[in-house]
Amino acid sequence: MDTRPLRVMLIVTMTVFLLVCVAFLLQHLGVYADGVDAWFEDNQWLMWTSVGLMLASASAIPLLSLGQDR
């Protein structure tokens, strides 16, 4: 079974999720300047994009597995 597509998808998902987590952790700790801090509070799309990517990847894992069984 070729697991390369699955591994690539999981690595990309994990990388994006970790970057978003680090960005919001730094925002919570107050590391950013005031302008960036306000931008994070006004624009929650970054967090929701990460969640959407994670959900799409999680739903694609069984589909990739089914395609490899044949």
PDB file of N, CA and C in Angstrom:
ATOM      1  N   MET A   1       0.848  -1.179   0.000  1.00  0.00           N
ATOM      2  CA  MET A   1       0.000   0.000   0.000  1.00  0.00           C
ATOM      3  C   MET A   1       0.895   1.244   0.000  1.00  0.00           C
ATOM      4  N   ASP A   2       0.611   2.153  -0.923  1.00  0.00           N
ATOM      5  CA  ASP A   2       1.366   3.394  -1.020  1.00  0.00           C
ATOM      6  C   ASP A   2       0.748   4.423  -0.070  1.00  0.00           C
ATOM      7  N   THR A   3       1.488   4.789   0.950  1.00  0.00           N
ATOM      8  CA  THR A   3       0.968   5.733   1.947  1.00  0.00           C
ATOM      9  C   THR A   3       1.500   7.142   1.755  1.00  0.00           C
ATOM     10  N   ARG A   4       2.194   7.390   0.662  1.00  0.00           N
ATOM     11  CA  ARG A   4       2.783   8.710   0.458  1.00  0.00           C
ATOM     12  C   ARG A   4       1.743   9.834   0.418  1.00  0.00           C
ATOM     13  N   PRO A   5       0.637   9.719  -0.343  1.00  0.00           N
ATOM     14  CA  PRO A   5      -0.345  10.820  -0.334  1.00  0.00           C
ATOM     15  C   PRO A   5      -0.907  11.091   1.059  1.00  0.00           C
ATOM     16  N   LEU A   6      -1.133  10.040   1.809  1.00  0.00           N
ATOM     17  CA  LEU A   6      -1.656  10.196   3.157  1.00  0.00           C
ATOM     18  C   LEU A   6      -0.648  10.894   4.059  1.00  0.00           C
ATOM     19  N   ARG A   7       0.616  10.498   3.965  1.00  0.00           N
ATOM     20  CA  ARG A   7       1.651  11.142   4.780  1.00  0.00           C
ATOM     21  C   ARG A   7       1.832  12.606   4.419  1.00  0.00           C
ATOM     22  N   VAL A   8       1.802  12.922   3.136  1.00  0.00           N
ATOM     23  CA  VAL A   8       1.949  14.325   2.703  1.00  0.00           C
ATOM     24  C   VAL A   8       0.792  15.161   3.237  1.00  0.00           C
ATOM     25  N   MET A   9      -0.418  14.639   3.113  1.00  0.00           N
ATOM     26  CA  MET A   9      -1.583  15.371   3.589  1.00  0.00           C
ATOM     27  C   MET A   9      -1.519  15.583   5.100  1.00  0.00           C
ATOM     28  N   LEU A  10      -1.120  14.569   5.836  1.00  0.00           N
ATOM     29  CA  LEU A  10      -1.039  14.695   7.290  1.00  0.00           C
ATOM     30  C   LEU A  10       0.066  15.662   7.713  1.00  0.00           C
ATOM     31  N   ILE A  11       1.184  15.669   7.013  1.00  0.00           N
ATOM     32  CA  ILE A  11       2.272  16.593   7.340  1.00  0.00           C
ATOM     33  C   ILE A  11       1.854  18.034   7.071  1.00  0.00           C
ATOM     34  N   VAL A  12       1.196  18.275   5.948  1.00  0.00           N
ATOM     35  CA  VAL A  12       0.730  19.631   5.637  1.00  0.00           C
ATOM     36  C   VAL A  12      -0.290  20.092   6.665  1.00  0.00           C
ATOM     37  N   THR A  13      -1.232  19.230   7.001  1.00  0.00           N
ATOM     38  CA  THR A  13      -2.248  19.576   7.996  1.00  0.00           C
ATOM     39  C   THR A  13      -1.619  19.869   9.350  1.00  0.00           C
ATOM     40  N   MET A  14      -0.698  19.029   9.770  1.00  0.00           N
ATOM     41  CA  MET A  14      -0.051  19.226  11.061  1.00  0.00           C
ATOM     42  C   MET A  14       0.752  20.527  11.078  1.00  0.00           C
ATOM     43  N   THR A  15       1.446  20.825   9.988  1.00  0.00           N
ATOM     44  CA  THR A  15       2.250  22.044   9.920  1.00  0.00           C
ATOM     45  C   THR A  15       1.383  23.287  10.007  1.00  0.00           C
ATOM     46  N   VAL A  16       0.308  23.318   9.247  1.00  0.00           N
ATOM     47  CA  VAL A  16      -0.591  24.478   9.282  1.00  0.00           C
ATOM     48  C   VAL A  16      -1.210  24.627  10.665  1.00  0.00           C
ATOM     49  N   PHE A  17      -1.659  23.528  11.240  1.00  0.00           N
ATOM     50  CA  PHE A  17      -2.286  23.590  12.550  1.00  0.00           C
ATOM     51  C   PHE A  17      -1.306  24.083  13.610  1.00  0.00           C
ATOM     52  N   LEU A  18      -0.078  23.581  13.586  1.00  0.00           N
ATOM     53  CA  LEU A  18       0.917  24.014  14.572  1.00  0.00           C
ATOM     54  C   LEU A  18       1.288  25.485  14.393  1.00  0.00           C
ATOM     55  N   LEU A  19       1.403  25.950  13.157  1.00  0.00           N
ATOM     56  CA  LEU A  19       1.702  27.370  12.921  1.00  0.00           C
ATOM     57  C   LEU A  19       0.592  28.276  13.449  1.00  0.00           C
ATOM     58  N   VAL A  20      -0.643  27.868  13.232  1.00  0.00           N
ATOM     59  CA  VAL A  20      -1.763  28.668  13.741  1.00  0.00           C
ATOM     60  C   VAL A  20      -1.782  28.639  15.265  1.00  0.00           C
ATOM     61  N   CYS A  21      -1.524  27.484  15.856  1.00  0.00           N
ATOM     62  CA  CYS A  21      -1.478  27.401  17.322  1.00  0.00           C
ATOM     63  C   CYS A  21      -0.381  28.289  17.897  1.00  0.00           C
ATOM     64  N   VAL A  22       0.788  28.273  17.291  1.00  0.00           N
ATOM     65  CA  VAL A  22       1.888  29.111  17.770  1.00  0.00           C
ATOM     66  C   VAL A  22       1.547  30.586  17.605  1.00  0.00           C
ATOM     67  N   ALA A  23       0.949  30.939  16.476  1.00  0.00           N
ATOM     68  CA  ALA A  23       0.589  32.343  16.251  1.00  0.00           C
ATOM     69  C   ALA A  23      -0.407  32.832  17.303  1.00  0.00           C
ATOM     70  N   PHE A  24      -1.413  32.018  17.609  1.00  0.00           N
ATOM     71  CA  PHE A  24      -2.395  32.439  18.610  1.00  0.00           C
ATOM     72  C   PHE A  24      -1.832  32.384  20.023  1.00  0.00           C
ATOM     73  N   LEU A  25      -0.896  31.482  20.288  1.00  0.00           N
ATOM     74  CA  LEU A  25      -0.236  31.463  21.596  1.00  0.00           C
ATOM     75  C   LEU A  25       0.582  32.733  21.795  1.00  0.00           C
ATOM     76  N   LEU A  26       1.326  33.129  20.775  1.00  0.00           N
ATOM     77  CA  LEU A  26       2.105  34.367  20.870  1.00  0.00           C
ATOM     78  C   LEU A  26       1.195  35.584  21.031  1.00  0.00           C
ATOM     79  N   GLN A  27       0.049  35.559  20.359  1.00  0.00           N
ATOM     80  CA  GLN A  27      -0.912  36.656  20.510  1.00  0.00           C
ATOM     81  C   GLN A  27      -1.458  36.685  21.929  1.00  0.00           C
ATOM     82  N   HIS A  28      -1.734  35.520  22.491  1.00  0.00           N
ATOM     83  CA  HIS A  28      -2.263  35.438  23.849  1.00  0.00           C
ATOM     84  C   HIS A  28      -1.235  35.917  24.881  1.00  0.00           C
ATOM     85  N   LEU A  29       0.041  35.637  24.624  1.00  0.00           N
ATOM     86  CA  LEU A  29       1.100  36.061  25.531  1.00  0.00           C
ATOM     87  C   LEU A  29       1.445  37.539  25.393  1.00  0.00           C
ATOM     88  N   GLY A  30       0.926  38.183  24.353  1.00  0.00           N
ATOM     89  CA  GLY A  30       1.156  39.615  24.174  1.00  0.00           C
ATOM     90  C   GLY A  30       2.485  39.948  23.529  1.00  0.00           C
ATOM     91  N   VAL A  31       3.021  39.054  22.728  1.00  0.00           N
ATOM     92  CA  VAL A  31       4.316  39.262  22.083  1.00  0.00           C
ATOM     93  C   VAL A  31       4.198  40.240  20.912  1.00  0.00           C
ATOM     94  N   TYR A  32       3.076  40.237  20.233  1.00  0.00           N
ATOM     95  CA  TYR A  32       2.904  41.078  19.046  1.00  0.00           C
ATOM     96  C   TYR A  32       2.676  42.540  19.427  1.00  0.00           C
ATOM     97  N   ALA A  33       2.899  43.405  18.447  1.00  0.00           N
ATOM     98  CA  ALA A  33       2.606  44.829  18.624  1.00  0.00           C
ATOM     99  C   ALA A  33       1.085  45.027  18.662  1.00  0.00           C
ATOM    100  N   ASP A  34       0.660  46.217  19.045  1.00  0.00           N
ATOM    101  CA  ASP A  34      -0.775  46.484  19.198  1.00  0.00           C
ATOM    102  C   ASP A  34      -1.547  46.305  17.893  1.00  0.00           C
ATOM    103  N   GLY A  35      -0.957  46.707  16.777  1.00  0.00           N
ATOM    104  CA  GLY A  35      -1.651  46.581  15.495  1.00  0.00           C
ATOM    105  C   GLY A  35      -1.892  45.140  15.108  1.00  0.00           C
ATOM    106  N   VAL A  36      -0.912  44.291  15.338  1.00  0.00           N
ATOM    107  CA  VAL A  36      -1.053  42.876  15.005  1.00  0.00           C
ATOM    108  C   VAL A  36      -2.027  42.210  15.971  1.00  0.00           C
ATOM    109  N   ASP A  37      -1.972  42.583  17.219  1.00  0.00           N
ATOM    110  CA  ASP A  37      -2.876  42.036  18.225  1.00  0.00           C
ATOM    111  C   ASP A  37      -4.328  42.340  17.869  1.00  0.00           C
ATOM    112  N   ALA A  38      -4.583  43.567  17.450  1.00  0.00           N
ATOM    113  CA  ALA A  38      -5.940  43.947  17.049  1.00  0.00           C
ATOM    114  C   ALA A  38      -6.362  43.190  15.789  1.00  0.00           C
ATOM    115  N   TRP A  39      -5.408  42.958  14.889  1.00  0.00           N
ATOM    116  CA  TRP A  39      -5.729  42.226  13.661  1.00  0.00           C
ATOM    117  C   TRP A  39      -6.162  40.805  13.980  1.00  0.00           C
ATOM    118  N   PHE A  40      -5.469  40.151  14.913  1.00  0.00           N
ATOM    119  CA  PHE A  40      -5.847  38.791  15.306  1.00  0.00           C
ATOM    120  C   PHE A  40      -7.236  38.763  15.923  1.00  0.00           C
ATOM    121  N   GLU A  41      -7.553  39.756  16.724  1.00  0.00           N
ATOM    122  CA  GLU A  41      -8.873  39.776  17.353  1.00  0.00           C
ATOM    123  C   GLU A  41      -9.975  40.032  16.340  1.00  0.00           C
ATOM    124  N   ASP A  42      -9.695  40.840  15.316  1.00  0.00           N
ATOM    125  CA  ASP A  42     -10.715  41.172  14.314  1.00  0.00           C
ATOM    126  C   ASP A  42     -10.841  40.120  13.227  1.00  0.00           C
ATOM    127  N   ASN A  43      -9.805  39.368  12.972  1.00  0.00           N
ATOM    128  CA  ASN A  43      -9.794  38.402  11.869  1.00  0.00           C
ATOM    129  C   ASN A  43      -9.565  36.996  12.404  1.00  0.00           C
ATOM    130  N   GLN A  44     -10.648  36.314  12.621  1.00  0.00           N
ATOM    131  CA  GLN A  44     -10.564  34.939  13.124  1.00  0.00           C
ATOM    132  C   GLN A  44     -10.503  33.929  11.980  1.00  0.00           C
ATOM    133  N   TRP A  45     -10.381  34.394  10.741  1.00  0.00           N
ATOM    134  CA  TRP A  45     -10.387  33.488   9.593  1.00  0.00           C
ATOM    135  C   TRP A  45      -9.199  32.544   9.614  1.00  0.00           C
ATOM    136  N   LEU A  46      -8.084  32.974  10.171  1.00  0.00           N
ATOM    137  CA  LEU A  46      -6.899  32.121  10.201  1.00  0.00           C
ATOM    138  C   LEU A  46      -7.167  30.862  11.021  1.00  0.00           C
ATOM    139  N   MET A  47      -7.777  31.039  12.167  1.00  0.00           N
ATOM    140  CA  MET A  47      -8.098  29.902  13.016  1.00  0.00           C
ATOM    141  C   MET A  47      -9.128  28.997  12.342  1.00  0.00           C
ATOM    142  N   TRP A  48     -10.166  29.591  11.743  1.00  0.00           N
ATOM    143  CA  TRP A  48     -11.214  28.787  11.131  1.00  0.00           C
ATOM    144  C   TRP A  48     -10.727  28.095   9.864  1.00  0.00           C
ATOM    145  N   THR A  49      -9.782  28.697   9.150  1.00  0.00           N
ATOM    146  CA  THR A  49      -9.193  28.039   7.988  1.00  0.00           C
ATOM    147  C   THR A  49      -8.415  26.805   8.415  1.00  0.00           C
ATOM    148  N   SER A  50      -7.689  26.915   9.506  1.00  0.00           N
ATOM    149  CA  SER A  50      -6.949  25.774  10.033  1.00  0.00           C
ATOM    150  C   SER A  50      -7.903  24.656  10.446  1.00  0.00           C
ATOM    151  N   VAL A  51      -8.981  25.002  11.098  1.00  0.00           N
ATOM    152  CA  VAL A  51      -9.968  23.998  11.511  1.00  0.00           C
ATOM    153  C   VAL A  51     -10.597  23.334  10.286  1.00  0.00           C
ATOM    154  N   GLY A  52     -10.921  24.123   9.267  1.00  0.00           N
ATOM    155  CA  GLY A  52     -11.500  23.566   8.044  1.00  0.00           C
ATOM    156  C   GLY A  52     -10.556  22.624   7.328  1.00  0.00           C
ATOM    157  N   LEU A  53      -9.281  22.996   7.286  1.00  0.00           N
ATOM    158  CA  LEU A  53      -8.281  22.131   6.669  1.00  0.00           C
ATOM    159  C   LEU A  53      -8.147  20.821   7.433  1.00  0.00           C
ATOM    160  N   MET A  54      -8.181  20.912   8.739  1.00  0.00           N
ATOM    161  CA  MET A  54      -8.081  19.712   9.565  1.00  0.00           C
ATOM    162  C   MET A  54      -9.288  18.792   9.344  1.00  0.00           C
ATOM    163  N   LEU A  55     -10.480  19.355   9.299  1.00  0.00           N
ATOM    164  CA  LEU A  55     -11.680  18.545   9.089  1.00  0.00           C
ATOM    165  C   LEU A  55     -11.700  17.920   7.695  1.00  0.00           C
ATOM    166  N   ALA A  56     -11.271  18.684   6.689  1.00  0.00           N
ATOM    167  CA  ALA A  56     -11.231  18.140   5.331  1.00  0.00           C
ATOM    168  C   ALA A  56     -10.225  17.000   5.236  1.00  0.00           C
ATOM    169  N   SER A  57      -9.100  17.158   5.879  1.00  0.00           N
ATOM    170  CA  SER A  57      -8.091  16.095   5.861  1.00  0.00           C
ATOM    171  C   SER A  57      -8.576  14.864   6.606  1.00  0.00           C
ATOM    172  N   ALA A  58      -9.228  15.080   7.735  1.00  0.00           N
ATOM    173  CA  ALA A  58      -9.729  13.943   8.510  1.00  0.00           C
ATOM    174  C   ALA A  58     -10.783  13.164   7.729  1.00  0.00           C
ATOM    175  N   SER A  59     -11.604  13.866   6.955  1.00  0.00           N
ATOM    176  CA  SER A  59     -12.619  13.164   6.172  1.00  0.00           C
ATOM    177  C   SER A  59     -12.021  12.506   4.935  1.00  0.00           C
ATOM    178  N   ALA A  60     -10.861  12.968   4.469  1.00  0.00           N
ATOM    179  CA  ALA A  60     -10.233  12.388   3.283  1.00  0.00           C
ATOM    180  C   ALA A  60      -9.420  11.144   3.606  1.00  0.00           C
ATOM    181  N   ILE A  61      -9.035  10.947   4.841  1.00  0.00           N
ATOM    182  CA  ILE A  61      -8.209   9.791   5.206  1.00  0.00           C
ATOM    183  C   ILE A  61      -8.908   8.466   4.860  1.00  0.00           C
ATOM    184  N   PRO A  62     -10.172   8.268   5.213  1.00  0.00           N
ATOM    185  CA  PRO A  62     -10.816   7.002   4.828  1.00  0.00           C
ATOM    186  C   PRO A  62     -10.924   6.839   3.302  1.00  0.00           C
ATOM    187  N   LEU A  63     -11.110   7.940   2.577  1.00  0.00           N
ATOM    188  CA  LEU A  63     -11.198   7.851   1.121  1.00  0.00           C
ATOM    189  C   LEU A  63      -9.866   7.420   0.509  1.00  0.00           C
ATOM    190  N   LEU A  64      -8.775   7.924   1.030  1.00  0.00           N
ATOM    191  CA  LEU A  64      -7.451   7.500   0.550  1.00  0.00           C
ATOM    192  C   LEU A  64      -7.201   6.036   0.880  1.00  0.00           C
ATOM    193  N   SER A  65      -7.651   5.618   2.035  1.00  0.00           N
ATOM    194  CA  SER A  65      -7.455   4.226   2.442  1.00  0.00           C
ATOM    195  C   SER A  65      -8.254   3.281   1.543  1.00  0.00           C
ATOM    196  N   LEU A  66      -9.460   3.674   1.160  1.00  0.00           N
ATOM    197  CA  LEU A  66     -10.268   2.837   0.305  1.00  0.00           C
ATOM    198  C   LEU A  66      -9.649   2.688  -1.083  1.00  0.00           C
ATOM    199  N   GLY A  67      -9.060   3.758  -1.573  1.00  0.00           N
ATOM    200  CA  GLY A  67      -8.445   3.711  -2.886  1.00  0.00           C
ATOM    201  C   GLY A  67      -7.194   2.849  -2.928  1.00  0.00           C
ATOM    202  N   GLN A  68      -6.543   2.643  -1.818  1.00  0.00           N
ATOM    203  CA  GLN A  68      -5.315   1.872  -1.779  1.00  0.00           C
ATOM    204  C   GLN A  68      -5.552   0.391  -1.578  1.00  0.00           C
ATOM    205  N   ASP A  69      -6.751  -0.010  -1.146  1.00  0.00           N
ATOM    206  CA  ASP A  69      -7.022  -1.425  -0.856  1.00  0.00           C
ATOM    207  C   ASP A  69      -7.155  -2.260  -2.122  1.00  0.00           C
ATOM    208  N   ARG A  70      -7.421  -1.667  -3.226  1.00  0.00           N
ATOM    209  CA  ARG A  70      -7.689  -2.420  -4.465  1.00  0.00           C
ATOM    210  C   ARG A  70      -6.466  -2.965  -5.076  1.00  0.00           C
TER     211      ARG A  70
END
